Protein backbone atom coordinates (compact mmCIF):
# COMPACT_ATOMS: atom_id res chain seq x y z
CA UNK A 1 47.45 78.74 175.26
CA UNK A 2 50.05 77.40 173.00
CA UNK A 3 49.87 80.66 170.99
CA UNK A 4 50.35 82.71 174.15
CA UNK A 5 53.50 80.77 175.09
CA UNK A 6 54.85 81.17 171.59
CA UNK A 7 54.18 84.93 171.69
CA UNK A 8 55.87 85.31 175.11
CA UNK A 9 58.86 83.27 173.89
CA UNK A 10 59.26 85.44 170.80
CA UNK A 11 59.09 88.62 172.87
CA UNK A 12 61.70 87.25 175.27
CA UNK A 13 64.01 86.33 172.37
CA UNK A 14 63.51 89.73 170.74
CA UNK A 15 64.62 91.40 173.96
CA UNK A 16 67.94 89.50 173.70
CA UNK A 17 68.76 90.91 170.24
CA UNK A 18 71.04 94.00 169.94
CA UNK A 19 69.18 97.27 169.60
CA UNK A 20 70.96 98.29 166.38
CA UNK A 21 73.10 100.95 168.07
CA UNK A 22 76.81 100.51 168.64
CA UNK A 23 78.21 101.05 172.07
CA UNK A 24 81.39 103.15 172.19
CA UNK A 25 84.51 101.08 172.66
CA UNK A 26 86.66 103.91 174.09
CA UNK A 27 89.74 102.39 172.56
CA UNK A 28 92.57 104.26 170.82
CA UNK A 29 93.53 107.92 170.86
CA UNK A 30 91.01 110.71 170.85
CA UNK A 31 90.33 112.49 167.60
CA UNK A 32 92.27 115.75 167.10
CA UNK A 33 90.44 118.86 168.24
CA UNK A 34 90.58 122.22 166.41
CA UNK A 35 93.11 123.22 163.79
CA UNK A 36 96.87 123.39 163.89
CA UNK A 37 98.47 126.64 164.97
CA UNK A 38 100.09 128.46 162.05
CA UNK A 39 102.62 130.03 164.40
CA UNK A 40 104.20 126.63 164.95
CA UNK A 41 104.67 125.98 161.22
CA UNK A 42 107.73 126.79 159.15
CA UNK A 43 107.52 129.95 157.03
CA UNK A 44 106.08 129.15 153.61
CA UNK A 45 108.71 131.30 151.89
CA UNK A 46 111.57 129.40 153.53
CA UNK A 47 110.04 126.08 152.52
CA UNK A 48 109.41 127.40 149.00
CA UNK A 49 113.02 128.57 148.59
CA UNK A 50 114.27 125.15 149.66
CA UNK A 51 111.93 123.42 147.22
CA UNK A 52 113.07 125.74 144.40
CA UNK A 53 116.69 124.75 145.08
CA UNK A 54 115.61 121.10 144.95
CA UNK A 55 113.89 121.62 141.59
CA UNK A 56 110.39 121.01 142.99
CA UNK A 57 108.77 124.07 141.43
CA UNK A 58 105.13 123.00 141.75
CA UNK A 59 105.58 122.24 145.45
CA UNK A 60 107.48 125.51 145.87
CA UNK A 61 104.56 127.36 144.32
CA UNK A 62 102.22 125.78 146.86
CA UNK A 63 104.54 126.70 149.72
CA UNK A 64 104.75 130.29 148.44
CA UNK A 65 100.96 130.43 148.32
CA UNK A 66 100.89 129.27 151.94
CA UNK A 67 103.40 132.02 152.72
CA UNK A 68 101.09 134.51 151.01
CA UNK A 69 98.30 133.36 153.31
CA UNK A 70 100.52 133.90 156.33
CA UNK A 71 102.23 137.17 155.35
CA UNK A 72 100.00 138.69 152.71
CA UNK A 73 100.96 139.60 149.16
CA UNK A 74 104.23 141.38 149.89
CA UNK A 75 106.80 142.17 147.23
CA UNK A 76 108.91 139.23 148.35
CA UNK A 77 105.95 136.82 148.15
CA UNK A 78 104.90 138.11 144.73
CA UNK A 79 108.48 137.83 143.48
CA UNK A 80 108.75 134.26 144.76
CA UNK A 81 105.43 133.30 143.14
CA UNK A 82 106.60 134.85 139.88
CA UNK A 83 109.91 132.98 139.99
CA UNK A 84 108.18 129.64 140.59
CA UNK A 85 105.81 130.29 137.69
CA UNK A 86 108.78 131.16 135.49
CA UNK A 87 110.42 127.84 136.29
CA UNK A 88 107.15 126.09 135.45
CA UNK A 89 107.14 127.82 132.04
CA UNK A 90 104.16 130.03 132.86
CA UNK A 91 105.69 133.22 131.51
CA UNK A 92 102.48 135.25 131.38
CA UNK A 93 101.63 134.52 135.01
CA UNK A 94 105.23 135.09 136.06
CA UNK A 95 105.32 138.48 134.34
CA UNK A 96 102.05 139.60 135.93
CA UNK A 97 103.19 138.56 139.41
CA UNK A 98 106.59 140.19 139.05
CA UNK A 99 105.06 143.42 137.78
CA UNK A 100 102.83 143.37 140.86
CA UNK A 101 105.93 142.73 143.00
CA UNK A 102 107.79 145.80 141.71
CA UNK A 103 104.61 147.85 142.11
CA UNK A 104 104.23 146.66 145.72
CA UNK A 105 107.90 147.29 146.51
CA UNK A 106 109.56 149.58 143.94
CA UNK A 107 112.91 149.38 145.77
CA UNK A 108 113.14 145.56 145.62
CA UNK A 109 116.05 144.99 143.25
CA UNK A 110 115.60 141.20 143.15
CA UNK A 111 112.01 141.57 141.90
CA UNK A 112 113.18 143.93 139.13
CA UNK A 113 115.90 141.44 138.21
CA UNK A 114 113.44 138.55 138.08
CA UNK A 115 111.08 140.60 135.90
CA UNK A 116 114.00 141.21 133.55
CA UNK A 117 114.61 137.46 133.39
CA UNK A 118 111.00 136.89 132.32
CA UNK A 119 111.25 139.61 129.68
CA UNK A 120 114.46 138.06 128.34
CA UNK A 121 112.72 134.70 128.09
CA UNK A 122 109.89 136.34 126.15
CA UNK A 123 112.36 138.00 123.76
CA UNK A 124 111.52 141.53 124.94
CA UNK A 125 115.15 142.64 125.14
CA UNK A 126 114.52 146.40 125.09
CA UNK A 127 112.23 146.37 128.09
CA UNK A 128 114.43 143.77 129.80
CA UNK A 129 117.38 146.14 129.40
CA UNK A 130 115.46 148.96 131.11
CA UNK A 131 114.30 146.66 133.90
CA UNK A 132 117.84 145.37 134.49
CA UNK A 133 119.07 148.99 134.60
CA UNK A 134 116.51 149.72 137.30
CA UNK A 135 117.61 146.64 139.26
CA UNK A 136 121.27 147.59 138.81
CA UNK A 137 120.61 151.13 140.09
CA UNK A 138 118.64 149.90 143.10
CA UNK A 139 121.39 147.39 143.91
CA UNK A 140 124.06 150.14 143.52
CA UNK A 141 126.00 147.82 141.23
CA UNK A 142 126.75 145.39 144.09
CA UNK A 143 125.38 142.28 142.41
CA UNK A 144 127.47 140.63 139.72
CA UNK A 145 124.42 138.68 138.57
CA UNK A 146 122.38 141.81 137.84
CA UNK A 147 125.37 143.35 136.05
CA UNK A 148 125.72 140.21 133.91
CA UNK A 149 122.00 140.16 133.15
CA UNK A 150 122.20 143.81 132.04
CA UNK A 151 125.23 143.02 129.87
CA UNK A 152 123.38 140.16 128.14
CA UNK A 153 120.31 142.35 127.54
CA UNK A 154 122.45 145.15 126.06
CA UNK A 155 124.24 142.64 123.82
CA UNK A 156 120.91 141.30 122.60
CA UNK A 157 119.71 144.84 121.84
CA UNK A 158 122.87 145.92 120.00
CA UNK A 159 123.27 142.77 117.93
CA UNK A 160 120.57 142.71 115.24
CA UNK A 161 121.15 139.00 114.72
CA UNK A 162 119.51 138.41 118.09
CA UNK A 163 116.34 140.37 117.39
CA UNK A 164 114.30 137.16 117.39
CA UNK A 165 114.35 134.80 120.37
CA UNK A 166 117.06 132.21 119.87
CA UNK A 167 115.48 128.80 120.38
CA UNK A 168 118.86 127.05 120.53
CA UNK A 169 119.91 128.92 123.66
CA UNK A 170 117.93 129.16 126.83
CA UNK A 171 118.37 130.89 130.12
CA UNK A 172 118.55 129.27 133.51
CA UNK A 173 117.24 131.05 136.61
CA UNK A 174 119.43 130.35 139.64
CA UNK A 175 118.64 131.49 143.19
CA UNK A 176 121.55 133.20 144.93
CA UNK A 177 119.94 133.86 148.31
CA UNK A 178 118.24 136.85 149.85
CA UNK A 179 115.53 136.77 147.19
CA UNK A 180 118.06 137.26 144.36
CA UNK A 181 118.07 135.20 141.20
CA UNK A 182 120.68 135.02 138.47
CA UNK A 183 119.97 134.58 134.79
CA UNK A 184 122.53 132.23 133.27
CA UNK A 185 122.64 131.35 129.61
CA UNK A 186 122.85 127.62 129.04
CA UNK A 187 124.35 126.20 125.84
């Protein structure tokens, strides 16, 4: 009898214990549903251009890649990606992207100009001269920056003392708006 009472008591106590499952509290906000709408976001190219001006080249590259996902690999996107890679010192990647940009949009003067900047950085003054000529022709001579870049490339070609890349001087790529970049020589 005593064993039966003990068994009934243990069963009654076991029924009082939690079942191991948690009851929902229904407190706080609901979890977000679905994904964000890309149409509400700011254009990746605009964000990338702003980050380039701020000197945040790695973040600009990411924003340009987001812009590529939104718009596709247009000449403007390829040119922007190439410019960001140039600023990060990735000359091979920058050259490939900019060559793709001028292939995608052969009339895009800014992409030709940016390709010329990469070629100047690599010490390929002859090809840079031809590329700057193409950019100058497409721009109809309207851009002072392209004219200056062409002048520097011609000077490098005509002066045999500059046949090797000059490590004491470097070039600075400056965005002028509308997808145009200027190559400035820094002392």
